[in-house]
Amino acid sequence: MEFLNSSNLEILNWGSTGRLEVTDTTLGSFGLLESITSWEVSSEPSLSDRRHIPFALQGSVPVRLIRNPRGTNWGSFREGLRDRLELCPQMNMKDEAGLGLAIHWVQHSLISAY
């Protein structure tokens, strides 16, 4: 229980294979609790002393794209950044609004090139 509390995990389902000494559980974040459907302990052999627990997630799960910087083509990045920055309109950076717009343009150019 200490581990579950310290890692923000919840017991999402309880199940049994018919033997009282065996308890099957699925752990996950609390937000998944309402999304899990069709949870069951499989009777299929798993080549282990554990049973598979198939379940379905209802609804959509947001996809988070992660980029590995080691795989970046830095030559292409520099070229793309240069092309984007060359398209930058003339801005008056002597006032706060113009400086904010310039910062936004550079930030957008960096993200797009990456």
N, C-alpha and C. Protein backbone atom coordinates (compact mmCIF):
# COMPACT_ATOMS: atom_id res chain seq x y z
N MET A 1 0.82 -1.19 0.00
CA MET A 1 0.00 0.00 0.00
C MET A 1 0.86 1.26 0.00
N GLU A 2 2.01 1.20 0.70
CA GLU A 2 2.91 2.35 0.69
C GLU A 2 3.38 2.67 -0.72
N PHE A 3 3.74 1.62 -1.48
CA PHE A 3 4.18 1.82 -2.85
C PHE A 3 3.09 2.48 -3.68
N LEU A 4 1.86 1.98 -3.56
CA LEU A 4 0.76 2.56 -4.34
C LEU A 4 0.56 4.02 -3.99
N ASN A 5 0.60 4.36 -2.71
CA ASN A 5 0.42 5.74 -2.29
C ASN A 5 1.55 6.64 -2.76
N SER A 6 2.78 6.13 -2.74
CA SER A 6 3.92 6.96 -3.11
C SER A 6 4.05 7.13 -4.63
N SER A 7 3.43 6.26 -5.41
CA SER A 7 3.57 6.34 -6.87
C SER A 7 2.30 6.81 -7.56
N ASN A 8 1.31 7.26 -6.80
CA ASN A 8 0.04 7.74 -7.35
C ASN A 8 -0.67 6.70 -8.20
N LEU A 9 -0.56 5.43 -7.82
CA LEU A 9 -1.27 4.36 -8.51
C LEU A 9 -2.48 3.94 -7.71
N GLU A 10 -3.46 3.43 -8.41
CA GLU A 10 -4.69 2.94 -7.80
C GLU A 10 -4.89 1.49 -8.22
N ILE A 11 -5.58 0.73 -7.42
CA ILE A 11 -6.01 -0.60 -7.83
C ILE A 11 -7.27 -0.40 -8.65
N LEU A 12 -7.20 -0.69 -9.93
CA LEU A 12 -8.31 -0.40 -10.82
C LEU A 12 -9.35 -1.51 -10.81
N ASN A 13 -8.95 -2.75 -10.65
CA ASN A 13 -9.89 -3.88 -10.65
C ASN A 13 -9.34 -4.98 -9.77
N TRP A 14 -10.23 -5.78 -9.23
CA TRP A 14 -9.86 -6.99 -8.49
C TRP A 14 -10.47 -8.16 -9.24
N GLY A 15 -9.79 -9.26 -9.24
CA GLY A 15 -10.32 -10.45 -9.87
C GLY A 15 -9.79 -11.69 -9.20
N SER A 16 -10.26 -12.83 -9.63
CA SER A 16 -9.81 -14.08 -9.05
C SER A 16 -9.87 -15.16 -10.11
N THR A 17 -8.95 -16.11 -10.02
CA THR A 17 -8.95 -17.23 -10.95
C THR A 17 -9.70 -18.41 -10.36
N GLY A 18 -10.36 -18.20 -9.25
CA GLY A 18 -11.12 -19.28 -8.63
C GLY A 18 -10.47 -19.79 -7.36
N ARG A 19 -9.19 -19.54 -7.18
CA ARG A 19 -8.50 -19.95 -5.96
C ARG A 19 -8.44 -18.75 -5.03
N LEU A 20 -8.73 -18.97 -3.77
CA LEU A 20 -8.77 -17.87 -2.82
C LEU A 20 -7.40 -17.25 -2.57
N GLU A 21 -6.33 -18.03 -2.74
CA GLU A 21 -5.00 -17.49 -2.45
C GLU A 21 -4.45 -16.65 -3.60
N VAL A 22 -5.14 -16.59 -4.74
CA VAL A 22 -4.66 -15.84 -5.89
C VAL A 22 -5.59 -14.64 -6.12
N THR A 23 -5.01 -13.46 -6.09
CA THR A 23 -5.77 -12.24 -6.36
C THR A 23 -5.14 -11.56 -7.56
N ASP A 24 -5.95 -11.23 -8.55
CA ASP A 24 -5.47 -10.56 -9.76
C ASP A 24 -5.88 -9.11 -9.70
N THR A 25 -4.92 -8.22 -9.88
CA THR A 25 -5.20 -6.79 -9.83
C THR A 25 -4.60 -6.10 -11.04
N THR A 26 -5.16 -4.96 -11.36
CA THR A 26 -4.63 -4.09 -12.41
C THR A 26 -4.36 -2.75 -11.74
N LEU A 27 -3.14 -2.24 -11.90
CA LEU A 27 -2.76 -0.96 -11.33
C LEU A 27 -2.72 0.09 -12.42
N GLY A 28 -3.06 1.31 -12.07
CA GLY A 28 -2.99 2.40 -13.03
C GLY A 28 -3.31 3.71 -12.35
N SER A 29 -3.30 4.78 -13.12
CA SER A 29 -3.62 6.09 -12.56
C SER A 29 -5.13 6.19 -12.34
N PHE A 30 -5.51 7.02 -11.40
CA PHE A 30 -6.92 7.14 -11.03
C PHE A 30 -7.78 7.55 -12.22
N GLY A 31 -7.25 8.34 -13.14
CA GLY A 31 -8.01 8.80 -14.30
C GLY A 31 -8.46 7.67 -15.22
N LEU A 32 -7.80 6.52 -15.15
CA LEU A 32 -8.17 5.40 -16.01
C LEU A 32 -9.36 4.61 -15.48
N LEU A 33 -9.68 4.78 -14.22
CA LEU A 33 -10.69 3.96 -13.55
C LEU A 33 -12.00 3.90 -14.33
N GLU A 34 -12.49 5.01 -14.79
CA GLU A 34 -13.78 5.04 -15.48
C GLU A 34 -13.67 4.60 -16.94
N SER A 35 -12.45 4.50 -17.47
CA SER A 35 -12.27 4.16 -18.88
C SER A 35 -12.10 2.67 -19.14
N ILE A 36 -11.84 1.87 -18.11
CA ILE A 36 -11.58 0.45 -18.30
C ILE A 36 -12.89 -0.32 -18.43
N THR A 37 -12.98 -1.12 -19.48
CA THR A 37 -14.14 -1.99 -19.68
C THR A 37 -13.65 -3.38 -20.05
N SER A 38 -14.49 -4.35 -19.95
CA SER A 38 -14.22 -5.74 -20.37
C SER A 38 -12.99 -6.33 -19.67
N TRP A 39 -12.80 -6.01 -18.41
CA TRP A 39 -11.67 -6.52 -17.64
C TRP A 39 -11.97 -7.94 -17.22
N GLU A 40 -11.03 -8.86 -17.46
CA GLU A 40 -11.23 -10.25 -17.05
C GLU A 40 -9.89 -10.95 -16.89
N VAL A 41 -9.90 -12.00 -16.12
CA VAL A 41 -8.71 -12.85 -15.99
C VAL A 41 -8.83 -13.92 -17.07
N SER A 42 -7.84 -13.98 -17.95
CA SER A 42 -7.89 -14.90 -19.07
C SER A 42 -7.62 -16.34 -18.62
N SER A 43 -8.28 -17.27 -19.28
CA SER A 43 -8.02 -18.69 -19.01
C SER A 43 -6.98 -19.25 -19.98
N GLU A 44 -6.50 -18.43 -20.91
CA GLU A 44 -5.48 -18.85 -21.88
C GLU A 44 -4.15 -19.07 -21.17
N PRO A 45 -3.39 -20.09 -21.56
CA PRO A 45 -2.06 -20.29 -20.98
C PRO A 45 -1.14 -19.11 -21.31
N SER A 46 -0.34 -18.70 -20.34
CA SER A 46 0.53 -17.54 -20.55
C SER A 46 2.01 -17.89 -20.52
N LEU A 47 2.35 -19.17 -20.37
CA LEU A 47 3.73 -19.62 -20.24
C LEU A 47 4.40 -18.98 -19.04
N SER A 48 3.62 -18.71 -18.01
CA SER A 48 4.10 -18.10 -16.78
C SER A 48 3.20 -18.60 -15.66
N ASP A 49 3.56 -18.28 -14.42
CA ASP A 49 2.67 -18.63 -13.32
C ASP A 49 1.60 -17.56 -13.11
N ARG A 50 1.57 -16.58 -13.99
CA ARG A 50 0.57 -15.51 -13.95
C ARG A 50 -0.39 -15.68 -15.12
N ARG A 51 -1.57 -15.12 -14.99
CA ARG A 51 -2.57 -15.13 -16.06
C ARG A 51 -2.60 -13.75 -16.72
N HIS A 52 -2.90 -13.73 -18.01
CA HIS A 52 -3.10 -12.46 -18.71
C HIS A 52 -4.40 -11.84 -18.23
N ILE A 53 -4.42 -10.51 -18.19
CA ILE A 53 -5.62 -9.77 -17.82
C ILE A 53 -5.94 -8.81 -18.95
N PRO A 54 -6.72 -9.26 -19.93
CA PRO A 54 -7.08 -8.35 -21.02
C PRO A 54 -8.17 -7.37 -20.57
N PHE A 55 -8.13 -6.17 -21.11
CA PHE A 55 -9.15 -5.17 -20.85
C PHE A 55 -9.16 -4.19 -22.01
N ALA A 56 -10.19 -3.38 -22.08
CA ALA A 56 -10.31 -2.37 -23.12
C ALA A 56 -10.41 -1.00 -22.47
N LEU A 57 -9.90 0.00 -23.16
CA LEU A 57 -10.04 1.38 -22.70
C LEU A 57 -11.11 2.06 -23.53
N GLN A 58 -12.08 2.62 -22.86
CA GLN A 58 -13.18 3.30 -23.52
C GLN A 58 -12.80 4.76 -23.70
N GLY A 59 -13.09 5.32 -24.86
CA GLY A 59 -12.78 6.72 -25.12
C GLY A 59 -11.44 6.86 -25.81
N SER A 60 -10.94 8.06 -25.82
CA SER A 60 -9.66 8.32 -26.49
C SER A 60 -8.61 8.70 -25.47
N VAL A 61 -7.38 8.37 -25.78
CA VAL A 61 -6.26 8.69 -24.93
C VAL A 61 -5.41 9.71 -25.69
N PRO A 62 -5.10 10.86 -25.07
CA PRO A 62 -4.30 11.85 -25.78
C PRO A 62 -2.91 11.30 -26.09
N VAL A 63 -2.44 11.59 -27.27
CA VAL A 63 -1.12 11.13 -27.70
C VAL A 63 -0.11 12.23 -27.41
N ARG A 64 0.97 11.86 -26.79
CA ARG A 64 2.02 12.83 -26.50
C ARG A 64 3.25 12.43 -27.29
N LEU A 65 3.61 13.27 -28.23
CA LEU A 65 4.78 13.00 -29.06
C LEU A 65 6.04 13.40 -28.32
N ILE A 66 7.01 12.52 -28.34
CA ILE A 66 8.29 12.79 -27.69
C ILE A 66 9.37 12.70 -28.75
N ARG A 67 10.23 13.67 -28.78
CA ARG A 67 11.31 13.70 -29.76
C ARG A 67 12.64 13.45 -29.06
N ASN A 68 13.45 12.58 -29.65
CA ASN A 68 14.77 12.29 -29.12
C ASN A 68 15.77 13.22 -29.80
N PRO A 69 16.39 14.16 -29.06
CA PRO A 69 17.32 15.11 -29.68
C PRO A 69 18.52 14.43 -30.35
N ARG A 70 18.89 13.23 -29.89
CA ARG A 70 20.04 12.54 -30.51
C ARG A 70 19.76 12.16 -31.96
N GLY A 71 18.49 12.00 -32.30
CA GLY A 71 18.14 11.62 -33.67
C GLY A 71 17.88 12.81 -34.58
N THR A 72 18.12 14.01 -34.09
CA THR A 72 17.84 15.21 -34.87
C THR A 72 18.90 15.42 -35.95
N ASN A 73 18.44 15.78 -37.13
CA ASN A 73 19.33 16.17 -38.22
C ASN A 73 19.59 17.67 -38.03
N TRP A 74 20.71 18.00 -37.38
CA TRP A 74 20.97 19.39 -37.00
C TRP A 74 21.22 20.28 -38.21
N GLY A 75 21.75 19.74 -39.27
CA GLY A 75 21.93 20.54 -40.49
C GLY A 75 20.59 20.97 -41.05
N SER A 76 19.65 20.04 -41.10
CA SER A 76 18.30 20.35 -41.57
C SER A 76 17.61 21.33 -40.63
N PHE A 77 17.83 21.17 -39.32
CA PHE A 77 17.25 22.09 -38.34
C PHE A 77 17.74 23.51 -38.58
N ARG A 78 19.06 23.68 -38.72
CA ARG A 78 19.62 25.03 -38.94
C ARG A 78 19.08 25.65 -40.23
N GLU A 79 19.00 24.83 -41.28
CA GLU A 79 18.48 25.33 -42.56
C GLU A 79 17.02 25.74 -42.44
N GLY A 80 16.21 24.91 -41.80
CA GLY A 80 14.80 25.24 -41.61
C GLY A 80 14.59 26.46 -40.75
N LEU A 81 15.42 26.59 -39.70
CA LEU A 81 15.32 27.76 -38.82
C LEU A 81 15.69 29.02 -39.57
N ARG A 82 16.77 28.96 -40.35
CA ARG A 82 17.19 30.13 -41.14
C ARG A 82 16.08 30.55 -42.10
N ASP A 83 15.47 29.57 -42.80
CA ASP A 83 14.39 29.88 -43.75
C ASP A 83 13.21 30.53 -43.05
N ARG A 84 12.85 30.04 -41.87
CA ARG A 84 11.71 30.61 -41.15
C ARG A 84 12.01 32.01 -40.64
N LEU A 85 13.23 32.20 -40.12
CA LEU A 85 13.57 33.52 -39.59
C LEU A 85 13.69 34.56 -40.70
N GLU A 86 14.07 34.14 -41.91
CA GLU A 86 14.15 35.08 -43.03
C GLU A 86 12.76 35.59 -43.42
N LEU A 87 11.70 34.82 -43.11
CA LEU A 87 10.33 35.24 -43.43
C LEU A 87 9.75 36.19 -42.38
N CYS A 88 10.52 36.45 -41.35
CA CYS A 88 10.05 37.29 -40.24
C CYS A 88 9.73 38.70 -40.73
N PRO A 89 8.53 39.19 -40.45
CA PRO A 89 8.20 40.56 -40.86
C PRO A 89 8.98 41.57 -40.00
N GLN A 90 9.11 42.78 -40.53
CA GLN A 90 9.77 43.84 -39.77
C GLN A 90 8.94 44.18 -38.55
N MET A 91 9.59 44.22 -37.39
CA MET A 91 8.88 44.53 -36.15
C MET A 91 9.63 45.62 -35.41
N ASN A 92 8.86 46.48 -34.75
CA ASN A 92 9.43 47.51 -33.91
C ASN A 92 9.65 46.91 -32.52
N MET A 93 10.91 46.63 -32.19
CA MET A 93 11.20 45.99 -30.92
C MET A 93 11.56 46.99 -29.83
N LYS A 94 11.16 48.25 -30.04
CA LYS A 94 11.44 49.27 -29.03
C LYS A 94 10.34 49.35 -27.99
N ASP A 95 9.21 48.70 -28.25
CA ASP A 95 8.15 48.68 -27.24
C ASP A 95 7.85 47.23 -26.84
N GLU A 96 7.12 47.09 -25.77
CA GLU A 96 6.84 45.77 -25.21
C GLU A 96 6.04 44.88 -26.17
N ALA A 97 5.09 45.43 -26.87
CA ALA A 97 4.27 44.65 -27.81
C ALA A 97 5.11 44.12 -28.96
N GLY A 98 5.97 44.97 -29.52
CA GLY A 98 6.81 44.54 -30.63
C GLY A 98 7.82 43.49 -30.19
N LEU A 99 8.39 43.65 -29.01
CA LEU A 99 9.34 42.69 -28.49
C LEU A 99 8.65 41.35 -28.22
N GLY A 100 7.44 41.39 -27.67
CA GLY A 100 6.67 40.16 -27.43
C GLY A 100 6.36 39.43 -28.72
N LEU A 101 6.03 40.18 -29.77
CA LEU A 101 5.75 39.58 -31.08
C LEU A 101 7.00 38.94 -31.66
N ALA A 102 8.14 39.60 -31.51
CA ALA A 102 9.40 39.05 -32.02
C ALA A 102 9.77 37.77 -31.27
N ILE A 103 9.60 37.77 -29.96
CA ILE A 103 9.89 36.58 -29.17
C ILE A 103 8.99 35.44 -29.61
N HIS A 104 7.71 35.73 -29.82
CA HIS A 104 6.76 34.69 -30.28
C HIS A 104 7.20 34.14 -31.63
N TRP A 105 7.64 35.00 -32.54
CA TRP A 105 8.06 34.56 -33.88
C TRP A 105 9.28 33.64 -33.79
N VAL A 106 10.26 34.01 -32.97
CA VAL A 106 11.46 33.19 -32.82
C VAL A 106 11.10 31.85 -32.18
N GLN A 107 10.28 31.87 -31.15
CA GLN A 107 9.87 30.63 -30.49
C GLN A 107 9.14 29.71 -31.47
N HIS A 108 8.20 30.25 -32.22
CA HIS A 108 7.45 29.46 -33.20
C HIS A 108 8.40 28.90 -34.28
N SER A 109 9.37 29.71 -34.69
CA SER A 109 10.34 29.27 -35.70
C SER A 109 11.20 28.12 -35.17
N LEU A 110 11.65 28.21 -33.92
CA LEU A 110 12.46 27.14 -33.32
C LEU A 110 11.66 25.83 -33.25
N ILE A 111 10.43 25.93 -32.77
CA ILE A 111 9.59 24.72 -32.65
C ILE A 111 9.29 24.11 -34.01
N SER A 112 8.96 24.95 -34.99
CA SER A 112 8.65 24.45 -36.33
C SER A 112 9.87 23.80 -36.99
N ALA A 113 11.04 24.40 -36.82
CA ALA A 113 12.24 23.85 -37.42
C ALA A 113 12.64 22.54 -36.76
N TYR A 114 12.40 22.43 -35.48
CA TYR A 114 12.77 21.22 -34.74
C TYR A 114 11.88 20.06 -35.14
